[in-house]
Amino acid sequence: MNKDVTGGNYMDRSQKAALASVGVGLVVLGLKFLAYSLTGSVALFSDALESTINVVAAGAAFFALRVSALPPDSNHPYGHHKAEYFSAVFEGVLVVLAAGMIFREAYYGFVDPQPLDAPVAGLAINGVATVINAVWGWTLLRWGRTWRSPALVADGRHVLTDVWTSGGVIAGVAIVAVTGQSVLDPLLAGFVALNILWSGWQMVREATGGLMDEAPGGDVVDRLKSVIAGEATGAIEAHDLRVRHAGRMSFVEFHLIVDGEMRVAEAHVICDRIEAGLRQELGGHAVINIHVEPEEKAKLEGIPVL
C-alpha cells in the first residue's frame, strides 16, 4: 500500500470506497424519505430510517479506515488496524437504536392506522433507491473481502440488509395499497425492526471476535500450515502456530525447529523463504515472527517439513 509520509491528503482505496458510500447513502436516503413523504407509510419510514443509519455508519467506517492506515508509533507499536472493528461495533449499535425507533413508530401506527397516499409513486421511488443500494452493497462486500477490510465488509452487509428489508417493505406496502388493510403497514415496520436487530447482532458479534483476537475461520490456518511445510526445507518441524487478524493485517507466529549445528545464516535463509510464502498467501499484509530452536525442542506433533 502506498502511503503519504506527510500525512496530508493520502487516502487508500478502502477509504475512497467508504467515502463514496457516504455519497451513495445520501442519495438513497433522499429517495426513501421522498417515498415516505408521498405515502405516509410507517413501513417506508422505517426503511428510510435505516438508510439514515447507513449514512452515519459509512462516515464512521471512513474515519476508522483513516485511523487504521496510520503507521505504528511509540504508543501503538503494532499499528492501528483494529480501529476498523470499532467501526463495525458502532454500526451494530446504530442498527439497534434504529430498530427501537422503528418499533416506536410501528406502535403508534398500529394504534391509529392511516390510509396510504400516492402508493404507486412512493413504491416506484423506493424501488429505484433499492436497486442503487443492491449494486453498491454487493460492490462494497466484494471489495471488503478482497482487501480484507472489516469496516467495508460490515458496511456492505448493512447495505445489503437494507436491500432485503426494502424488498419486503415494497411488497408489503403494495399489499396494503391493494387490500386497503392499513394495519398491515405498522406490522410490516415491526418485522423490519426485528430483521435489522438480527443484522446488528451479527455485526457486533463478528467485530467483537476481531477485537478479542479470535482465530481466523475457514481453512486459513490449514493453508498457512501447508505453506510452512512446503517452504521450510532444511528445517525439522514447526509448531505452536498462532494466527490472528487485525483489520487487513495478519499476525503469524510459530517455532521453527532446526539442526542445533546449523549456522545462523542458513536458518535465516529458511525463515526468509517461509516469510515470503506466507506473505504471498496472505496478500502481503502480514507481520511474521519465527522463533528458531534446536532439535531437542521438537514436539513431534507440529508441522512436519515436506
C-alpha atoms as a PDB file:
ATOM      1  CA  MET A   1       0.000   0.000   0.000  1.00  0.00           C
ATOM      2  CA  ASN A   2       1.404   3.384  -0.943  1.00  0.00           C
ATOM      3  CA  LYS A   3       1.326   5.999   1.755  1.00  0.00           C
ATOM      4  CA  ASP A   4       1.964   9.701   2.094  1.00  0.00           C
ATOM      5  CA  VAL A   5       4.508  10.035   4.885  1.00  0.00           C
ATOM      6  CA  THR A   6       3.498  13.655   5.392  1.00  0.00           C
ATOM      7  CA  GLY A   7       0.015  12.539   6.465  1.00  0.00           C
ATOM      8  CA  GLY A   8      -1.533  15.061   4.065  1.00  0.00           C
ATOM      9  CA  ASN A   9      -4.213  14.161   1.532  1.00  0.00           C
ATOM     10  CA  TYR A  10      -3.445  10.453   1.447  1.00  0.00           C
ATOM     11  CA  MET A  11      -6.406   8.074   1.029  1.00  0.00           C
ATOM     12  CA  ASP A  12      -6.122   4.420   0.086  1.00  0.00           C
ATOM     13  CA  ARG A  13      -8.741   2.577  -1.940  1.00  0.00           C
ATOM     14  CA  SER A  14     -10.682   1.370   1.121  1.00  0.00           C
ATOM     15  CA  GLN A  15     -11.042   4.915   2.403  1.00  0.00           C
ATOM     16  CA  LYS A  16     -12.197   6.127  -1.007  1.00  0.00           C
ATOM     17  CA  ALA A  17     -14.804   3.354  -1.069  1.00  0.00           C
ATOM     18  CA  ALA A  18     -16.053   4.325   2.398  1.00  0.00           C
ATOM     19  CA  LEU A  19     -16.271   7.979   1.374  1.00  0.00           C
ATOM     20  CA  ALA A  20     -18.163   7.032  -1.785  1.00  0.00           C
ATOM     21  CA  SER A  21     -20.520   5.008   0.424  1.00  0.00           C
ATOM     22  CA  VAL A  22     -21.467   8.203   2.254  1.00  0.00           C
ATOM     23  CA  GLY A  23     -22.416   9.819  -1.061  1.00  0.00           C
ATOM     24  CA  VAL A  24     -24.429   6.821  -2.260  1.00  0.00           C
ATOM     25  CA  GLY A  25     -26.143   6.635   1.138  1.00  0.00           C
ATOM     26  CA  LEU A  26     -27.205  10.282   0.948  1.00  0.00           C
ATOM     27  CA  VAL A  27     -28.765   9.748  -2.498  1.00  0.00           C
ATOM     28  CA  VAL A  28     -30.658   6.653  -1.320  1.00  0.00           C
ATOM     29  CA  LEU A  29     -31.714   8.423   1.877  1.00  0.00           C
ATOM     30  CA  GLY A  30     -33.182  11.330  -0.092  1.00  0.00           C
ATOM     31  CA  LEU A  31     -35.150   8.991  -2.357  1.00  0.00           C
ATOM     32  CA  LYS A  32     -36.551   6.948   0.528  1.00  0.00           C
ATOM     33  CA  PHE A  33     -37.666   9.959   2.541  1.00  0.00           C
ATOM     34  CA  LEU A  34     -39.329  11.286  -0.613  1.00  0.00           C
ATOM     35  CA  ALA A  35     -41.190   7.972  -0.930  1.00  0.00           C
ATOM     36  CA  TYR A  36     -42.248   8.206   2.734  1.00  0.00           C
ATOM     37  CA  SER A  37     -43.414  11.827   2.385  1.00  0.00           C
ATOM     38  CA  LEU A  38     -45.577  10.888  -0.614  1.00  0.00           C
ATOM     39  CA  THR A  39     -47.235   7.885   1.052  1.00  0.00           C
ATOM     40  CA  GLY A  40     -47.153   8.475   4.821  1.00  0.00           C
ATOM     41  CA  SER A  41     -46.315   4.762   5.196  1.00  0.00           C
ATOM     42  CA  VAL A  42     -44.792   3.761   8.532  1.00  0.00           C
ATOM     43  CA  ALA A  43     -43.053   0.848   6.793  1.00  0.00           C
ATOM     44  CA  LEU A  44     -41.442   3.189   4.256  1.00  0.00           C
ATOM     45  CA  PHE A  45     -40.463   5.485   7.117  1.00  0.00           C
ATOM     46  CA  SER A  46     -38.707   2.555   8.812  1.00  0.00           C
ATOM     47  CA  ASP A  47     -36.878   1.828   5.574  1.00  0.00           C
ATOM     48  CA  ALA A  48     -35.774   5.462   5.293  1.00  0.00           C
ATOM     49  CA  LEU A  49     -34.640   5.484   8.906  1.00  0.00           C
ATOM     50  CA  GLU A  50     -32.391   2.512   8.298  1.00  0.00           C
ATOM     51  CA  SER A  51     -30.825   4.399   5.388  1.00  0.00           C
ATOM     52  CA  THR A  52     -30.095   7.283   7.779  1.00  0.00           C
ATOM     53  CA  ILE A  53     -28.092   4.827   9.854  1.00  0.00           C
ATOM     54  CA  ASN A  54     -26.298   3.696   6.691  1.00  0.00           C
ATOM     55  CA  VAL A  55     -25.026   7.224   6.065  1.00  0.00           C
ATOM     56  CA  VAL A  56     -23.806   7.699   9.641  1.00  0.00           C
ATOM     57  CA  ALA A  57     -22.202   4.249   9.663  1.00  0.00           C
ATOM     58  CA  ALA A  58     -20.434   4.901   6.345  1.00  0.00           C
ATOM     59  CA  GLY A  59     -18.977   8.071   7.843  1.00  0.00           C
ATOM     60  CA  ALA A  60     -17.781   6.095  10.855  1.00  0.00           C
ATOM     61  CA  ALA A  61     -16.232   3.474   8.553  1.00  0.00           C
ATOM     62  CA  PHE A  62     -14.354   6.202   6.665  1.00  0.00           C
ATOM     63  CA  PHE A  63     -12.978   7.617   9.924  1.00  0.00           C
ATOM     64  CA  ALA A  64     -11.971   4.154  11.155  1.00  0.00           C
ATOM     65  CA  LEU A  65     -10.168   3.398   7.894  1.00  0.00           C
ATOM     66  CA  ARG A  66      -8.262   6.679   8.160  1.00  0.00           C
ATOM     67  CA  VAL A  67      -7.141   5.747  11.668  1.00  0.00           C
ATOM     68  CA  SER A  68      -6.253   2.151  10.723  1.00  0.00           C
ATOM     69  CA  ALA A  69      -3.986   3.411   7.923  1.00  0.00           C
ATOM     70  CA  LEU A  70      -1.792   5.326  10.375  1.00  0.00           C
ATOM     71  CA  PRO A  71       1.701   3.809  10.750  1.00  0.00           C
ATOM     72  CA  PRO A  72       2.843   2.256  14.054  1.00  0.00           C
ATOM     73  CA  ASP A  73       4.057   4.698  16.681  1.00  0.00           C
ATOM     74  CA  SER A  74       5.513   4.578  20.194  1.00  0.00           C
ATOM     75  CA  ASN A  75       2.057   4.147  21.754  1.00  0.00           C
ATOM     76  CA  HIS A  76       0.789   1.682  19.131  1.00  0.00           C
ATOM     77  CA  PRO A  77       3.798  -0.408  18.046  1.00  0.00           C
ATOM     78  CA  TYR A  78       1.539  -2.961  16.333  1.00  0.00           C
ATOM     79  CA  GLY A  79      -0.278  -0.304  14.305  1.00  0.00           C
ATOM     80  CA  HIS A  80      -3.869   0.960  14.393  1.00  0.00           C
ATOM     81  CA  HIS A  81      -5.512  -1.814  12.371  1.00  0.00           C
ATOM     82  CA  LYS A  82      -8.151  -2.712  14.975  1.00  0.00           C
ATOM     83  CA  ALA A  83      -9.821   0.684  14.551  1.00  0.00           C
ATOM     84  CA  GLU A  84     -11.924  -0.938  11.817  1.00  0.00           C
ATOM     85  CA  TYR A  85     -13.538  -3.278  14.335  1.00  0.00           C
ATOM     86  CA  PHE A  86     -14.689  -0.323  16.432  1.00  0.00           C
ATOM     87  CA  SER A  87     -16.453   0.990  13.343  1.00  0.00           C
ATOM     88  CA  ALA A  88     -18.290  -2.318  12.926  1.00  0.00           C
ATOM     89  CA  VAL A  89     -19.337  -2.319  16.601  1.00  0.00           C
ATOM     90  CA  PHE A  90     -20.535   1.283  16.307  1.00  0.00           C
ATOM     91  CA  GLU A  91     -22.548   0.387  13.214  1.00  0.00           C
ATOM     92  CA  GLY A  92     -24.170  -2.545  15.006  1.00  0.00           C
ATOM     93  CA  VAL A  93     -25.163  -0.294  17.919  1.00  0.00           C
ATOM     94  CA  LEU A  94     -26.692   2.222  15.490  1.00  0.00           C
ATOM     95  CA  VAL A  95     -28.742  -0.565  13.922  1.00  0.00           C
ATOM     96  CA  VAL A  96     -30.131  -1.485  17.347  1.00  0.00           C
ATOM     97  CA  LEU A  97     -31.055   2.161  18.048  1.00  0.00           C
ATOM     98  CA  ALA A  98     -32.767   2.414  14.667  1.00  0.00           C
ATOM     99  CA  ALA A  99     -34.787  -0.712  15.455  1.00  0.00           C
ATOM    100  CA  GLY A 100     -36.003   0.883  18.691  1.00  0.00           C
ATOM    101  CA  MET A 101     -37.181   3.984  16.835  1.00  0.00           C
ATOM    102  CA  ILE A 102     -38.964   1.863  14.247  1.00  0.00           C
ATOM    103  CA  PHE A 103     -40.744  -0.153  16.957  1.00  0.00           C
ATOM    104  CA  ARG A 104     -41.966   3.146  18.438  1.00  0.00           C
ATOM    105  CA  GLU A 105     -43.396   4.375  15.128  1.00  0.00           C
ATOM    106  CA  ALA A 106     -44.896   0.954  14.412  1.00  0.00           C
ATOM    107  CA  TYR A 107     -46.702   1.019  17.755  1.00  0.00           C
ATOM    108  CA  TYR A 108     -48.302   4.408  17.075  1.00  0.00           C
ATOM    109  CA  GLY A 109     -49.186   3.314  13.557  1.00  0.00           C
ATOM    110  CA  PHE A 110     -50.839   0.168  14.904  1.00  0.00           C
ATOM    111  CA  VAL A 111     -52.860   2.151  17.462  1.00  0.00           C
ATOM    112  CA  ASP A 112     -54.023   4.628  14.810  1.00  0.00           C
ATOM    113  CA  PRO A 113     -53.560   3.161  11.292  1.00  0.00           C
ATOM    114  CA  GLN A 114     -53.741   5.637   8.421  1.00  0.00           C
ATOM    115  CA  PRO A 115     -54.521   5.041   4.726  1.00  0.00           C
ATOM    116  CA  LEU A 116     -51.654   5.435   2.274  1.00  0.00           C
ATOM    117  CA  ASP A 117     -51.324   8.359  -0.126  1.00  0.00           C
ATOM    118  CA  ALA A 118     -49.854   8.012  -3.648  1.00  0.00           C
ATOM    119  CA  PRO A 119     -48.615   4.431  -3.063  1.00  0.00           C
ATOM    120  CA  VAL A 120     -47.595   3.802  -6.701  1.00  0.00           C
ATOM    121  CA  ALA A 121     -45.276   6.815  -6.916  1.00  0.00           C
ATOM    122  CA  GLY A 122     -43.831   6.103  -3.473  1.00  0.00           C
ATOM    123  CA  LEU A 123     -43.136   2.451  -4.266  1.00  0.00           C
ATOM    124  CA  ALA A 124     -41.511   3.336  -7.600  1.00  0.00           C
ATOM    125  CA  ILE A 125     -39.137   5.822  -5.951  1.00  0.00           C
ATOM    126  CA  ASN A 126     -38.303   3.372  -3.179  1.00  0.00           C
ATOM    127  CA  GLY A 127     -37.656   0.699  -5.819  1.00  0.00           C
ATOM    128  CA  VAL A 128     -35.074   2.898  -7.564  1.00  0.00           C
ATOM    129  CA  ALA A 129     -33.338   3.502  -4.227  1.00  0.00           C
ATOM    130  CA  THR A 130     -33.308  -0.240  -3.537  1.00  0.00           C
ATOM    131  CA  VAL A 131     -31.655  -1.058  -6.874  1.00  0.00           C
ATOM    132  CA  ILE A 132     -28.930   1.526  -6.208  1.00  0.00           C
ATOM    133  CA  ASN A 133     -28.364   0.018  -2.753  1.00  0.00           C
ATOM    134  CA  ALA A 134     -28.197  -3.533  -4.120  1.00  0.00           C
ATOM    135  CA  VAL A 135     -25.469  -2.683  -6.639  1.00  0.00           C
ATOM    136  CA  TRP A 136     -23.465  -0.697  -4.112  1.00  0.00           C
ATOM    137  CA  GLY A 137     -23.867  -3.238  -1.286  1.00  0.00           C
ATOM    138  CA  TRP A 138     -22.535  -6.134  -3.379  1.00  0.00           C
ATOM    139  CA  THR A 139     -19.676  -3.919  -4.580  1.00  0.00           C
ATOM    140  CA  LEU A 140     -18.694  -2.984  -1.020  1.00  0.00           C
ATOM    141  CA  LEU A 141     -18.866  -6.592   0.137  1.00  0.00           C
ATOM    142  CA  ARG A 142     -16.681  -7.792  -2.741  1.00  0.00           C
ATOM    143  CA  TRP A 143     -14.113  -5.043  -2.196  1.00  0.00           C
ATOM    144  CA  GLY A 144     -14.112  -5.546   1.577  1.00  0.00           C
ATOM    145  CA  ARG A 145     -13.417  -9.282   1.262  1.00  0.00           C
ATOM    146  CA  THR A 146     -10.772  -8.770  -1.431  1.00  0.00           C
ATOM    147  CA  TRP A 147      -8.991  -6.032   0.534  1.00  0.00           C
ATOM    148  CA  ARG A 148      -9.668  -7.732   3.896  1.00  0.00           C
ATOM    149  CA  SER A 149     -11.348  -4.672   5.381  1.00  0.00           C
ATOM    150  CA  PRO A 150     -13.799  -5.450   8.241  1.00  0.00           C
ATOM    151  CA  ALA A 151     -15.199  -1.907   8.044  1.00  0.00           C
ATOM    152  CA  LEU A 152     -16.118  -2.256   4.361  1.00  0.00           C
ATOM    153  CA  VAL A 153     -17.497  -5.773   4.860  1.00  0.00           C
ATOM    154  CA  ALA A 154     -19.704  -4.538   7.736  1.00  0.00           C
ATOM    155  CA  ASP A 155     -20.844  -1.568   5.666  1.00  0.00           C
ATOM    156  CA  GLY A 156     -21.613  -3.812   2.679  1.00  0.00           C
ATOM    157  CA  ARG A 157     -23.601  -6.247   4.807  1.00  0.00           C
ATOM    158  CA  HIS A 158     -25.561  -3.419   6.370  1.00  0.00           C
ATOM    159  CA  VAL A 159     -26.415  -2.003   2.952  1.00  0.00           C
ATOM    160  CA  LEU A 160     -27.495  -5.443   1.701  1.00  0.00           C
ATOM    161  CA  THR A 161     -29.641  -5.904   4.801  1.00  0.00           C
ATOM    162  CA  ASP A 162     -31.288  -2.648   3.813  1.00  0.00           C
ATOM    163  CA  VAL A 163     -31.888  -4.110   0.340  1.00  0.00           C
ATOM    164  CA  TRP A 164     -33.656  -7.213   1.671  1.00  0.00           C
ATOM    165  CA  THR A 165     -35.785  -5.214   4.079  1.00  0.00           C
ATOM    166  CA  SER A 166     -36.598  -2.703   1.321  1.00  0.00           C
ATOM    167  CA  GLY A 167     -37.760  -5.532  -0.915  1.00  0.00           C
ATOM    168  CA  GLY A 168     -40.023  -6.830   1.844  1.00  0.00           C
ATOM    169  CA  VAL A 169     -41.328  -3.337   2.545  1.00  0.00           C
ATOM    170  CA  ILE A 170     -42.125  -2.707  -1.115  1.00  0.00           C
ATOM    171  CA  ALA A 171     -44.038  -5.986  -1.368  1.00  0.00           C
ATOM    172  CA  GLY A 172     -45.858  -5.352   1.915  1.00  0.00           C
ATOM    173  CA  VAL A 173     -46.834  -1.766   1.118  1.00  0.00           C
ATOM    174  CA  ALA A 174     -48.094  -2.932  -2.281  1.00  0.00           C
ATOM    175  CA  ILE A 175     -50.336  -5.456  -0.482  1.00  0.00           C
ATOM    176  CA  VAL A 176     -51.579  -2.705   1.842  1.00  0.00           C
ATOM    177  CA  ALA A 177     -52.387  -0.484  -1.151  1.00  0.00           C
ATOM    178  CA  VAL A 178     -54.279  -3.270  -2.933  1.00  0.00           C
ATOM    179  CA  THR A 179     -56.216  -4.623   0.073  1.00  0.00           C
ATOM    180  CA  GLY A 180     -56.729  -1.366   1.949  1.00  0.00           C
ATOM    181  CA  GLN A 181     -55.713  -3.059   5.216  1.00  0.00           C
ATOM    182  CA  SER A 182     -53.809  -0.102   6.753  1.00  0.00           C
ATOM    183  CA  VAL A 183     -52.994  -2.021   9.931  1.00  0.00           C
ATOM    184  CA  LEU A 184     -50.599  -4.209   7.922  1.00  0.00           C
ATOM    185  CA  ASP A 185     -48.310  -1.214   7.364  1.00  0.00           C
ATOM    186  CA  PRO A 186     -47.132  -0.812  11.003  1.00  0.00           C
ATOM    187  CA  LEU A 187     -46.959  -4.601  11.408  1.00  0.00           C
ATOM    188  CA  LEU A 188     -44.606  -4.709   8.434  1.00  0.00           C
ATOM    189  CA  ALA A 189     -42.489  -1.979  10.049  1.00  0.00           C
ATOM    190  CA  GLY A 190     -42.215  -4.156  13.158  1.00  0.00           C
ATOM    191  CA  PHE A 191     -40.877  -7.051  11.091  1.00  0.00           C
ATOM    192  CA  VAL A 192     -38.331  -4.682   9.526  1.00  0.00           C
ATOM    193  CA  ALA A 193     -37.149  -3.710  13.015  1.00  0.00           C
ATOM    194  CA  LEU A 194     -36.717  -7.370  14.017  1.00  0.00           C
ATOM    195  CA  ASN A 195     -34.714  -8.067  10.873  1.00  0.00           C
ATOM    196  CA  ILE A 196     -32.274  -5.198  11.395  1.00  0.00           C
ATOM    197  CA  LEU A 197     -31.893  -6.166  15.064  1.00  0.00           C
ATOM    198  CA  TRP A 198     -30.619  -9.560  13.922  1.00  0.00           C
ATOM    199  CA  SER A 199     -28.290  -7.857  11.450  1.00  0.00           C
ATOM    200  CA  GLY A 200     -26.932  -5.588  14.191  1.00  0.00           C
ATOM    201  CA  TRP A 201     -26.244  -8.542  16.473  1.00  0.00           C
ATOM    202  CA  GLN A 202     -24.285 -10.335  13.739  1.00  0.00           C
ATOM    203  CA  MET A 203     -22.130  -7.273  13.053  1.00  0.00           C
ATOM    204  CA  VAL A 204     -21.342  -6.722  16.738  1.00  0.00           C
ATOM    205  CA  ARG A 205     -20.572 -10.425  17.240  1.00  0.00           C
ATOM    206  CA  GLU A 206     -18.138 -10.509  14.310  1.00  0.00           C
ATOM    207  CA  ALA A 207     -16.382  -7.287  15.293  1.00  0.00           C
ATOM    208  CA  THR A 208     -16.068  -8.399  18.917  1.00  0.00           C
ATOM    209  CA  GLY A 209     -14.361 -11.574  17.714  1.00  0.00           C
ATOM    210  CA  GLY A 210     -11.784  -9.450  15.913  1.00  0.00           C
ATOM    211  CA  LEU A 211     -11.168  -7.276  18.956  1.00  0.00           C
ATOM    212  CA  MET A 212     -10.672 -10.416  21.062  1.00  0.00           C
ATOM    213  CA  ASP A 213      -8.124 -11.846  18.594  1.00  0.00           C
ATOM    214  CA  GLU A 214     -10.388 -14.719  17.644  1.00  0.00           C
ATOM    215  CA  ALA A 215      -8.684 -17.340  15.471  1.00  0.00           C
ATOM    216  CA  PRO A 216      -9.474 -16.985  11.750  1.00  0.00           C
ATOM    217  CA  GLY A 217     -12.214 -19.234  10.473  1.00  0.00           C
ATOM    218  CA  GLY A 218     -12.382 -21.467   7.423  1.00  0.00           C
ATOM    219  CA  ASP A 219      -9.236 -23.125   6.123  1.00  0.00           C
ATOM    220  CA  VAL A 220      -6.882 -20.169   6.741  1.00  0.00           C
ATOM    221  CA  VAL A 221      -4.730 -21.953   9.326  1.00  0.00           C
ATOM    222  CA  ASP A 222      -4.567 -25.151   7.253  1.00  0.00           C
ATOM    223  CA  ARG A 223      -3.387 -23.199   4.206  1.00  0.00           C
ATOM    224  CA  LEU A 224      -0.686 -21.471   6.242  1.00  0.00           C
ATOM    225  CA  LYS A 225       0.468 -24.834   7.612  1.00  0.00           C
ATOM    226  CA  SER A 226       0.806 -26.122   4.050  1.00  0.00           C
ATOM    227  CA  VAL A 227       2.900 -23.094   3.083  1.00  0.00           C
ATOM    228  CA  ILE A 228       5.204 -23.578   6.083  1.00  0.00           C
ATOM    229  CA  ALA A 229       5.595 -27.299   5.394  1.00  0.00           C
ATOM    230  CA  GLY A 230       6.470 -26.637   1.758  1.00  0.00           C
ATOM    231  CA  GLU A 231       8.876 -23.729   2.315  1.00  0.00           C
ATOM    232  CA  ALA A 232      10.743 -24.964   5.402  1.00  0.00           C
ATOM    233  CA  THR A 233      13.099 -27.341   3.558  1.00  0.00           C
ATOM    234  CA  GLY A 234      16.220 -27.752   5.689  1.00  0.00           C
ATOM    235  CA  ALA A 235      14.324 -27.460   8.981  1.00  0.00           C
ATOM    236  CA  ILE A 236      12.883 -30.320  11.043  1.00  0.00           C
ATOM    237  CA  GLU A 237       9.423 -29.165  12.072  1.00  0.00           C
ATOM    238  CA  ALA A 238       7.331 -26.145  13.047  1.00  0.00           C
ATOM    239  CA  HIS A 239       4.951 -25.991  15.995  1.00  0.00           C
ATOM    240  CA  ASP A 240       2.795 -23.668  18.157  1.00  0.00           C
ATOM    241  CA  LEU A 241       1.435 -21.812  15.136  1.00  0.00           C
ATOM    242  CA  ARG A 242      -0.763 -18.881  16.148  1.00  0.00           C
ATOM    243  CA  VAL A 243      -2.630 -16.611  13.747  1.00  0.00           C
ATOM    244  CA  ARG A 244      -4.823 -13.567  14.286  1.00  0.00           C
ATOM    245  CA  HIS A 245      -6.219 -10.809  12.100  1.00  0.00           C
ATOM    246  CA  ALA A 246      -6.439  -7.094  12.879  1.00  0.00           C
ATOM    247  CA  GLY A 247      -8.291  -5.447  10.031  1.00  0.00           C
ATOM    248  CA  ARG A 248      -6.441  -6.226   6.826  1.00  0.00           C
ATOM    249  CA  MET A 249      -3.253  -7.114   8.710  1.00  0.00           C
ATOM    250  CA  SER A 250      -2.426 -10.688   9.764  1.00  0.00           C
ATOM    251  CA  PHE A 251      -0.088 -11.601  12.615  1.00  0.00           C
ATOM    252  CA  VAL A 252       1.580 -15.023  12.404  1.00  0.00           C
ATOM    253  CA  GLU A 253       3.991 -16.589  14.872  1.00  0.00           C
ATOM    254  CA  PHE A 254       5.411 -20.069  15.411  1.00  0.00           C
ATOM    255  CA  HIS A 255       8.507 -22.007  16.477  1.00  0.00           C
ATOM    256  CA  LEU A 256      10.811 -23.493  13.845  1.00  0.00           C
ATOM    257  CA  ILE A 257      12.987 -26.476  14.789  1.00  0.00           C
ATOM    258  CA  VAL A 258      16.351 -26.793  13.029  1.00  0.00           C
ATOM    259  CA  ASP A 259      19.531 -28.825  13.486  1.00  0.00           C
ATOM    260  CA  GLY A 260      21.366 -27.446  16.511  1.00  0.00           C
ATOM    261  CA  GLU A 261      24.580 -27.303  14.457  1.00  0.00           C
ATOM    262  CA  MET A 262      23.004 -25.214  11.701  1.00  0.00           C
ATOM    263  CA  ARG A 263      24.595 -21.818  11.140  1.00  0.00           C
ATOM    264  CA  VAL A 264      22.506 -18.721  11.891  1.00  0.00           C
ATOM    265  CA  ALA A 265      22.775 -17.564   8.274  1.00  0.00           C
ATOM    266  CA  GLU A 266      21.346 -20.892   7.000  1.00  0.00           C
ATOM    267  CA  ALA A 267      18.427 -20.744   9.437  1.00  0.00           C
ATOM    268  CA  HIS A 268      17.803 -17.147   8.380  1.00  0.00           C
ATOM    269  CA  VAL A 269      17.535 -18.183   4.726  1.00  0.00           C
ATOM    270  CA  ILE A 270      14.874 -20.765   5.640  1.00  0.00           C
ATOM    271  CA  CYS A 271      12.948 -18.164   7.644  1.00  0.00           C
ATOM    272  CA  ASP A 272      13.094 -15.677   4.771  1.00  0.00           C
ATOM    273  CA  ARG A 273      11.727 -18.304   2.397  1.00  0.00           C
ATOM    274  CA  ILE A 274       8.846 -19.161   4.756  1.00  0.00           C
ATOM    275  CA  GLU A 275       8.016 -15.500   5.333  1.00  0.00           C
ATOM    276  CA  ALA A 276       7.873 -14.824   1.587  1.00  0.00           C
ATOM    277  CA  GLY A 277       5.470 -17.743   1.089  1.00  0.00           C
ATOM    278  CA  LEU A 278       3.236 -16.683   3.972  1.00  0.00           C
ATOM    279  CA  ARG A 279       3.072 -13.082   2.796  1.00  0.00           C
ATOM    280  CA  GLN A 280       2.098 -14.220  -0.675  1.00  0.00           C
ATOM    281  CA  GLU A 281      -0.658 -16.410   0.800  1.00  0.00           C
ATOM    282  CA  LEU A 282      -1.913 -13.549   2.990  1.00  0.00           C
ATOM    283  CA  GLY A 283      -1.869 -10.892   0.283  1.00  0.00           C
ATOM    284  CA  GLY A 284       1.236  -9.100   1.530  1.00  0.00           C
ATOM    285  CA  HIS A 285      -0.305  -7.627   4.680  1.00  0.00           C
ATOM    286  CA  ALA A 286       1.378  -9.672   7.414  1.00  0.00           C
ATOM    287  CA  VAL A 287       3.674  -9.450  10.422  1.00  0.00           C
ATOM    288  CA  ILE A 288       5.512 -12.761  10.889  1.00  0.00           C
ATOM    289  CA  ASN A 289       7.578 -13.835  13.890  1.00  0.00           C
ATOM    290  CA  ILE A 290       9.549 -17.089  13.763  1.00  0.00           C
ATOM    291  CA  HIS A 291      11.326 -18.382  16.857  1.00  0.00           C
ATOM    292  CA  VAL A 292      14.182 -20.705  15.824  1.00  0.00           C
ATOM    293  CA  GLU A 293      15.003 -23.586  18.227  1.00  0.00           C
ATOM    294  CA  PRO A 294      17.369 -26.618  18.198  1.00  0.00           C
ATOM    295  CA  GLU A 295      16.122 -30.171  17.616  1.00  0.00           C
ATOM    296  CA  GLU A 296      15.820 -31.041  21.316  1.00  0.00           C
ATOM    297  CA  LYS A 297      12.876 -28.602  21.444  1.00  0.00           C
ATOM    298  CA  ALA A 298      10.928 -30.614  18.877  1.00  0.00           C
ATOM    299  CA  LYS A 299       7.458 -31.698  19.970  1.00  0.00           C
ATOM    300  CA  LEU A 300       6.942 -34.263  17.211  1.00  0.00           C
ATOM    301  CA  GLU A 301       3.358 -33.067  16.906  1.00  0.00           C
ATOM    302  CA  GLY A 302       3.719 -29.862  14.934  1.00  0.00           C
ATOM    303  CA  ILE A 303       4.003 -29.187  11.197  1.00  0.00           C
ATOM    304  CA  PRO A 304       6.324 -31.708   9.511  1.00  0.00           C
ATOM    305  CA  VAL A 305       8.621 -30.348   6.825  1.00  0.00           C
ATOM    306  CA  LEU A 306       7.902 -31.767   3.363  1.00  0.00           C
END
